[in-house]
Amino acid sequence: MILFSRNRRLRTNESIRSLIRETRLSTDDLVMPMFIIEGKNKKETIPSMPYIFRRSIDLAVEECKELYHLGIKAVNLYTKVPEELKDNTGKEGWNRDGLMQRAIKSIKDSVPDMVVMPDIALDPYSIFGHDGIIKNGKIDNDSTNIVLAKMAVSLAEAGADIVAPSDMMDGRVGIIREALEKNHYTEVGILSYSAKYASSFYGPFRSALDSAPKEINDIPRDKKTYQMDYHNSREALTEVYRDVEEGADIIMIKPGLPYLDIVSKVREVIDLPLGVYNVSGEYAMLKAAVQNGWLDNDLAIIESLTCIKRAGGDIIFTYAAKEAALLLDN
């Protein structure tokens, strides 16, 4: 039997495979999330996230220098806020001398070309661990949006290149954009968590910041009233379209690997840059499998990140960014 078509001809060796390769991963695609804490020369381990640390600002600056040297040009910042500064208003989030504001200024002063993307949400600042202000036992959308806009302006003033609202309040992108424009921060971008699902894969992240919802009286014990239902797919497009209309510059899908169908669906209908968050639970699972000898660490990292890009992600937020950069360099 003569076969005129043999697909294996183009898989014969690595030179041929690389010649026709459709998807290529590079350090230009990667954003490193970083956890910031108060103090000096402090570096705390996070048990559920091997090789990821909470760092004081001085050590975070040194880490940013190393990341930039490796080719990673963007960081996504989160702060672990002392309990005594938490309340139900989130006011520490727009404190000019707050931990996040000082971290942004220090990083931009030391690594001016590093793109700094601080997170915007109330959960690190909330006594309830929620992304919004609590009123009558519920998350109040509209009063939360006012606070998010104040945070955005404060972070822009500190030097943020792009603000990243992850709260999932309705209408917040438009309100943040209006606030930035009115305060003359016209060049500050908005990376909107447009389709952020109420996922079980956020556990390690919440333990890193002590930001999980608190079990207090009638306060919701999860985030299902504002984050998306993981059963839904079409709803993601509705969320994305609204954020595009309100002025988002980059769209984010979160989580990543379990939601590649959503990534692909959104990629087909929008032209804006598309971010995908390879979240803490995905990272923790991979590391646990590696520690048990079930997976090859290096191969699994590069494969998983490449799959995210293949699905349509332009920008990949991942705790494995530094490892991936070292692997790609080799």
Protein backbone atom coordinates (compact mmCIF):
# COMPACT_ATOMS: atom_id res chain seq x y z
CA MET A 1 0.00 0.00 0.00
CA ILE A 2 1.38 3.40 -1.01
CA LEU A 3 0.66 6.25 1.38
CA PHE A 4 0.92 9.62 -0.34
CA SER A 5 0.29 11.47 2.91
CA ARG A 6 2.39 10.64 5.96
CA ASN A 7 2.10 13.19 8.75
CA ARG A 8 5.07 11.63 10.52
CA ARG A 9 7.42 12.95 7.83
CA LEU A 10 7.29 16.34 9.56
CA ARG A 11 8.12 14.81 12.95
CA THR A 12 11.27 12.97 11.92
CA ASN A 13 13.74 15.02 13.98
CA GLU A 14 13.92 18.10 16.16
CA SER A 15 15.19 20.32 13.35
CA ILE A 16 12.12 19.59 11.23
CA ARG A 17 9.76 19.80 14.20
CA SER A 18 11.13 23.22 15.21
CA LEU A 19 10.98 24.43 11.60
CA ILE A 20 7.20 23.97 11.37
CA ARG A 21 6.35 24.71 15.01
CA GLU A 22 3.14 26.73 15.36
CA THR A 23 3.47 27.97 18.95
CA ARG A 24 6.60 29.40 20.51
CA LEU A 25 6.99 30.31 24.17
CA SER A 26 9.39 33.05 25.20
CA THR A 27 10.19 35.15 28.25
CA ASP A 28 8.35 38.02 26.54
CA ASP A 29 5.11 36.14 27.29
CA LEU A 30 5.66 35.83 31.05
CA VAL A 31 4.57 37.85 34.08
CA MET A 32 5.86 36.94 37.55
CA PRO A 33 3.42 37.38 40.47
CA MET A 34 5.16 38.58 43.65
CA PHE A 35 4.11 38.75 47.30
CA ILE A 36 5.28 41.77 49.31
CA ILE A 37 5.52 42.03 53.11
CA GLU A 38 6.58 44.72 55.57
CA GLY A 39 10.09 44.79 57.02
CA LYS A 40 13.65 44.66 55.72
CA ASN A 41 15.68 41.71 54.50
CA LYS A 42 12.69 39.43 55.07
CA LYS A 43 11.98 36.36 52.97
CA GLU A 44 9.22 34.00 54.10
CA THR A 45 8.49 30.58 52.64
CA ILE A 46 4.97 29.62 51.54
CA PRO A 47 4.52 25.92 52.37
CA SER A 48 1.93 25.25 49.66
CA MET A 49 4.01 26.98 46.96
CA PRO A 50 7.57 25.60 46.83
CA TYR A 51 10.24 28.13 45.77
CA ILE A 52 7.79 31.05 46.04
CA PHE A 53 8.33 33.58 48.84
CA ARG A 54 6.91 36.62 50.52
CA ARG A 55 9.59 39.30 50.31
CA SER A 56 10.16 42.66 51.95
CA ILE A 57 10.47 45.54 49.51
CA ASP A 58 14.28 45.57 49.46
CA LEU A 59 14.46 41.88 48.54
CA ALA A 60 11.61 42.25 46.05
CA VAL A 61 13.65 44.92 44.28
CA GLU A 62 16.65 42.60 44.05
CA GLU A 63 14.41 39.83 42.71
CA CYS A 64 13.03 42.19 40.07
CA LYS A 65 16.56 43.01 38.94
CA GLU A 66 17.25 39.31 38.50
CA LEU A 67 13.97 38.69 36.72
CA TYR A 68 14.62 41.51 34.29
CA HIS A 69 18.10 40.16 33.60
CA LEU A 70 16.46 36.83 32.71
CA GLY A 71 14.15 38.53 30.25
CA ILE A 72 10.99 38.77 32.38
CA LYS A 73 9.81 42.33 31.90
CA ALA A 74 6.64 42.43 34.01
CA VAL A 75 5.66 41.69 37.61
CA ASN A 76 2.23 41.44 39.23
CA LEU A 77 2.25 42.65 42.85
CA TYR A 78 0.27 41.56 45.91
CA THR A 79 0.70 42.69 49.50
CA LYS A 80 0.21 40.85 52.78
CA VAL A 81 -1.41 43.51 54.89
CA PRO A 82 -1.02 43.50 58.71
CA GLU A 83 -4.28 42.64 60.47
CA GLU A 84 -4.42 45.95 62.32
CA LEU A 85 -4.69 47.81 58.99
CA LYS A 86 -7.66 45.80 57.72
CA ASP A 87 -11.23 47.10 57.90
CA ASN A 88 -14.42 47.07 55.81
CA THR A 89 -13.52 50.12 53.72
CA GLY A 90 -10.22 49.05 52.16
CA LYS A 91 -8.79 52.50 52.90
CA GLU A 92 -5.26 51.12 53.30
CA GLY A 93 -5.45 50.30 49.59
CA TRP A 94 -5.21 53.98 48.65
CA ASN A 95 -2.80 55.04 51.37
CA ARG A 96 -0.02 57.00 49.64
CA ASP A 97 2.48 55.50 52.08
CA GLY A 98 0.96 52.02 51.96
CA LEU A 99 3.01 48.88 51.40
CA MET A 100 1.87 48.49 47.79
CA GLN A 101 2.59 52.11 46.93
CA ARG A 102 6.08 51.95 48.45
CA ALA A 103 6.80 48.69 46.64
CA ILE A 104 5.81 50.15 43.27
CA LYS A 105 7.96 53.24 43.79
CA SER A 106 10.99 51.21 44.86
CA ILE A 107 10.77 48.80 41.94
CA LYS A 108 10.27 51.55 39.36
CA ASP A 109 13.17 53.55 40.82
CA SER A 110 15.52 50.55 40.65
CA VAL A 111 14.27 48.80 37.50
CA PRO A 112 12.51 51.57 35.55
CA ASP A 113 11.84 49.42 32.49
CA MET A 114 10.09 46.72 34.50
CA VAL A 115 6.35 46.77 33.84
CA VAL A 116 4.67 46.90 37.25
CA MET A 117 1.10 45.62 37.46
CA PRO A 118 -0.36 45.90 40.97
CA ASP A 119 -3.50 43.97 41.83
CA ILE A 120 -6.63 45.95 42.67
CA ALA A 121 -9.13 44.29 45.02
CA LEU A 122 -10.18 44.70 48.61
CA ASP A 123 -9.55 41.19 49.91
CA PRO A 124 -6.00 41.85 51.22
CA TYR A 125 -7.33 44.90 53.07
CA SER A 126 -10.68 43.51 54.23
CA ILE A 127 -11.43 42.14 57.69
CA PHE A 128 -13.86 39.81 55.92
CA GLY A 129 -11.47 38.57 53.22
CA HIS A 130 -13.79 39.67 50.44
CA ASP A 131 -13.10 41.67 47.30
CA GLY A 132 -15.75 44.24 48.17
CA ILE A 133 -17.33 46.28 50.94
CA ILE A 134 -19.86 44.37 53.04
CA LYS A 135 -23.26 45.98 53.63
CA ASN A 136 -26.14 44.12 55.26
CA GLY A 137 -24.33 40.83 54.89
CA LYS A 138 -23.74 41.26 51.14
CA ILE A 139 -20.93 42.53 48.91
CA ASP A 140 -21.98 46.01 47.82
CA ASN A 141 -21.00 46.46 44.18
CA ASP A 142 -21.32 50.21 43.69
CA SER A 143 -19.63 51.45 46.87
CA THR A 144 -16.81 48.99 46.18
CA ASN A 145 -16.29 50.51 42.73
CA ILE A 146 -15.68 53.93 44.27
CA VAL A 147 -12.95 52.45 46.45
CA LEU A 148 -11.39 50.54 43.54
CA ALA A 149 -11.14 53.79 41.58
CA LYS A 150 -9.37 55.46 44.52
CA MET A 151 -6.94 52.55 44.67
CA ALA A 152 -6.26 52.76 40.93
CA VAL A 153 -5.42 56.47 41.11
CA SER A 154 -3.18 55.93 44.14
CA LEU A 155 -1.29 53.11 42.43
CA ALA A 156 -0.94 55.13 39.24
CA GLU A 157 0.47 58.00 41.29
CA ALA A 158 3.00 55.57 42.81
CA GLY A 159 4.21 54.64 39.32
CA ALA A 160 2.17 51.63 38.22
CA ASP A 161 2.24 51.00 34.49
CA ILE A 162 -0.91 48.89 34.42
CA VAL A 163 -3.54 48.38 37.13
CA ALA A 164 -5.16 44.95 37.41
CA PRO A 165 -8.66 44.90 38.97
CA SER A 166 -9.34 41.30 40.01
CA ASP A 167 -12.49 41.93 42.03
CA MET A 168 -15.23 41.07 39.48
CA MET A 169 -17.51 43.97 40.45
CA ASP A 170 -19.87 45.05 37.66
CA GLY A 171 -18.90 48.31 35.94
CA ARG A 172 -15.59 48.81 37.70
CA VAL A 173 -13.48 49.04 34.54
CA GLY A 174 -15.41 52.07 33.30
CA ILE A 175 -15.26 53.77 36.70
CA ILE A 176 -11.52 53.09 37.03
CA ARG A 177 -10.87 54.34 33.50
CA GLU A 178 -12.82 57.53 34.18
CA ALA A 179 -10.91 58.14 37.42
CA LEU A 180 -7.54 57.62 35.73
CA GLU A 181 -8.48 59.98 32.89
CA LYS A 182 -9.76 62.69 35.24
CA ASN A 183 -6.52 62.53 37.21
CA HIS A 184 -4.43 62.70 34.04
CA TYR A 185 -3.10 59.14 34.20
CA THR A 186 -4.05 58.62 30.59
CA GLU A 187 -1.17 56.26 29.83
CA VAL A 188 -1.84 53.84 32.69
CA GLY A 189 -3.38 50.65 31.31
CA ILE A 190 -6.13 48.46 32.76
CA LEU A 191 -5.70 44.70 32.76
CA SER A 192 -9.15 43.49 33.68
CA TYR A 193 -9.88 40.10 35.22
CA SER A 194 -12.90 39.79 32.96
CA ALA A 195 -13.64 36.09 33.34
CA LYS A 196 -12.49 35.15 36.82
CA TYR A 197 -14.15 32.00 38.05
CA ALA A 198 -15.07 31.06 41.62
CA SER A 199 -12.45 28.32 41.60
CA SER A 200 -11.06 25.90 44.16
CA PHE A 201 -7.61 26.42 42.64
CA TYR A 202 -6.90 29.66 44.55
CA GLY A 203 -6.20 28.04 47.93
CA PRO A 204 -2.39 28.40 48.08
CA PHE A 205 -2.64 32.04 47.00
CA ARG A 206 -5.12 32.86 49.77
CA SER A 207 -2.91 31.20 52.36
CA ALA A 208 0.04 33.26 51.10
CA LEU A 209 -1.83 36.51 51.77
CA ASP A 210 -4.18 35.36 54.52
CA SER A 211 -7.00 36.69 52.34
CA ALA A 212 -9.55 33.86 52.35
CA PRO A 213 -13.16 34.81 53.19
CA LYS A 214 -13.72 34.73 56.93
CA GLU A 215 -16.50 32.68 58.53
CA ILE A 216 -18.30 35.51 60.33
CA ASN A 217 -22.03 35.44 61.08
CA ASP A 218 -24.06 35.87 57.88
CA ILE A 219 -21.14 37.04 55.71
CA PRO A 220 -20.76 34.89 52.55
CA ARG A 221 -18.13 32.19 53.05
CA ASP A 222 -17.17 32.08 49.39
CA LYS A 223 -17.00 34.45 46.43
CA LYS A 224 -19.69 32.88 44.29
CA THR A 225 -21.93 35.96 44.32
CA TYR A 226 -19.42 37.93 42.25
CA GLN A 227 -16.88 35.52 40.71
CA MET A 228 -18.14 33.40 37.83
CA ASP A 229 -19.82 30.00 38.08
CA TYR A 230 -17.43 27.40 36.64
CA HIS A 231 -20.34 25.61 34.97
CA ASN A 232 -20.75 28.53 32.55
CA SER A 233 -18.98 29.27 29.31
CA ARG A 234 -21.10 31.74 27.29
CA GLU A 235 -21.31 34.03 30.30
CA ALA A 236 -17.56 34.65 29.99
CA LEU A 237 -18.11 36.37 26.65
CA THR A 238 -20.67 38.70 28.21
CA GLU A 239 -18.17 39.68 30.89
CA VAL A 240 -15.40 40.20 28.35
CA TYR A 241 -17.50 42.31 25.98
CA ARG A 242 -18.54 44.62 28.81
CA ASP A 243 -14.97 45.19 29.95
CA VAL A 244 -13.86 45.91 26.38
CA GLU A 245 -16.64 48.48 26.04
CA GLU A 246 -15.67 50.11 29.34
CA GLY A 247 -12.05 50.65 28.27
CA ALA A 248 -10.00 47.63 29.32
CA ASP A 249 -6.64 47.42 27.54
CA ILE A 250 -5.93 43.76 28.32
CA ILE A 251 -8.39 40.97 29.15
CA MET A 252 -7.61 38.28 31.74
CA ILE A 253 -8.95 34.74 32.08
CA LYS A 254 -8.46 33.04 35.45
CA PRO A 255 -7.68 30.19 36.22
CA GLY A 256 -5.63 28.92 33.27
CA LEU A 257 -5.15 25.25 32.48
CA PRO A 258 -8.61 23.99 33.57
CA TYR A 259 -10.18 26.84 31.56
CA LEU A 260 -8.39 26.65 28.21
CA ASP A 261 -11.74 26.24 26.47
CA ILE A 262 -12.65 29.71 27.76
CA VAL A 263 -9.29 31.10 26.63
CA SER A 264 -9.81 29.72 23.14
CA LYS A 265 -13.41 30.96 22.96
CA VAL A 266 -12.46 34.49 24.02
CA ARG A 267 -9.45 34.57 21.70
CA GLU A 268 -11.75 33.97 18.73
CA VAL A 269 -13.91 37.02 19.40
CA ILE A 270 -11.61 39.80 20.67
CA ASP A 271 -8.51 41.47 19.29
CA LEU A 272 -7.21 42.90 22.57
CA PRO A 273 -4.21 41.23 24.23
CA LEU A 274 -5.36 38.23 26.26
CA GLY A 275 -3.84 37.37 29.63
CA VAL A 276 -4.16 33.96 31.27
CA TYR A 277 -3.40 33.25 34.94
CA ASN A 278 -1.67 29.94 35.66
CA VAL A 279 -2.88 30.08 39.26
CA SER A 280 -1.42 28.96 42.57
CA GLY A 281 -3.34 25.68 42.70
CA GLU A 282 -2.08 24.69 39.26
CA TYR A 283 1.48 25.48 40.33
CA ALA A 284 1.09 23.62 43.64
CA MET A 285 -0.27 20.49 41.93
CA LEU A 286 2.63 20.40 39.50
CA LYS A 287 5.18 20.82 42.27
CA ALA A 288 3.52 18.12 44.39
CA ALA A 289 3.64 15.69 41.49
CA VAL A 290 7.30 16.56 40.87
CA GLN A 291 8.19 16.03 44.53
CA ASN A 292 6.58 12.60 44.38
CA GLY A 293 8.52 11.69 41.25
CA TRP A 294 5.42 11.53 39.06
CA LEU A 295 6.35 14.35 36.67
CA ASP A 296 9.50 15.82 35.17
CA ASN A 297 9.57 19.39 36.50
CA ASP A 298 11.22 21.07 33.53
CA LEU A 299 9.20 19.31 30.85
CA ALA A 300 5.90 19.84 32.67
CA ILE A 301 6.50 23.57 33.16
CA ILE A 302 7.33 24.28 29.54
CA GLU A 303 4.53 22.06 28.21
CA SER A 304 1.84 23.57 30.44
CA LEU A 305 2.82 27.16 29.63
CA THR A 306 3.08 26.42 25.93
CA CYS A 307 -0.42 24.92 26.01
CA ILE A 308 -1.76 28.13 27.49
CA LYS A 309 -0.19 30.11 24.68
CA ARG A 310 -1.41 27.62 22.07
CA ALA A 311 -4.96 28.12 23.34
CA GLY A 312 -4.66 31.84 22.65
CA GLY A 313 -3.01 33.46 25.66
CA ASP A 314 -0.69 36.35 24.82
CA ILE A 315 0.43 37.05 28.38
CA ILE A 316 0.91 34.30 30.97
CA PHE A 317 0.90 35.07 34.67
CA THR A 318 2.72 32.19 36.32
CA TYR A 319 4.64 31.41 39.50
CA ALA A 320 6.90 29.29 37.30
CA ALA A 321 8.01 32.33 35.28
CA LYS A 322 11.54 32.43 36.67
CA GLU A 323 12.06 28.69 36.22
CA ALA A 324 10.65 28.89 32.70
CA ALA A 325 12.99 31.75 31.83
CA LEU A 326 16.01 29.74 32.95
CA LEU A 327 14.81 26.71 30.98
CA LEU A 328 14.14 28.76 27.83
CA ASP A 329 17.57 30.35 28.12
CA ASN A 330 19.14 26.88 28.06
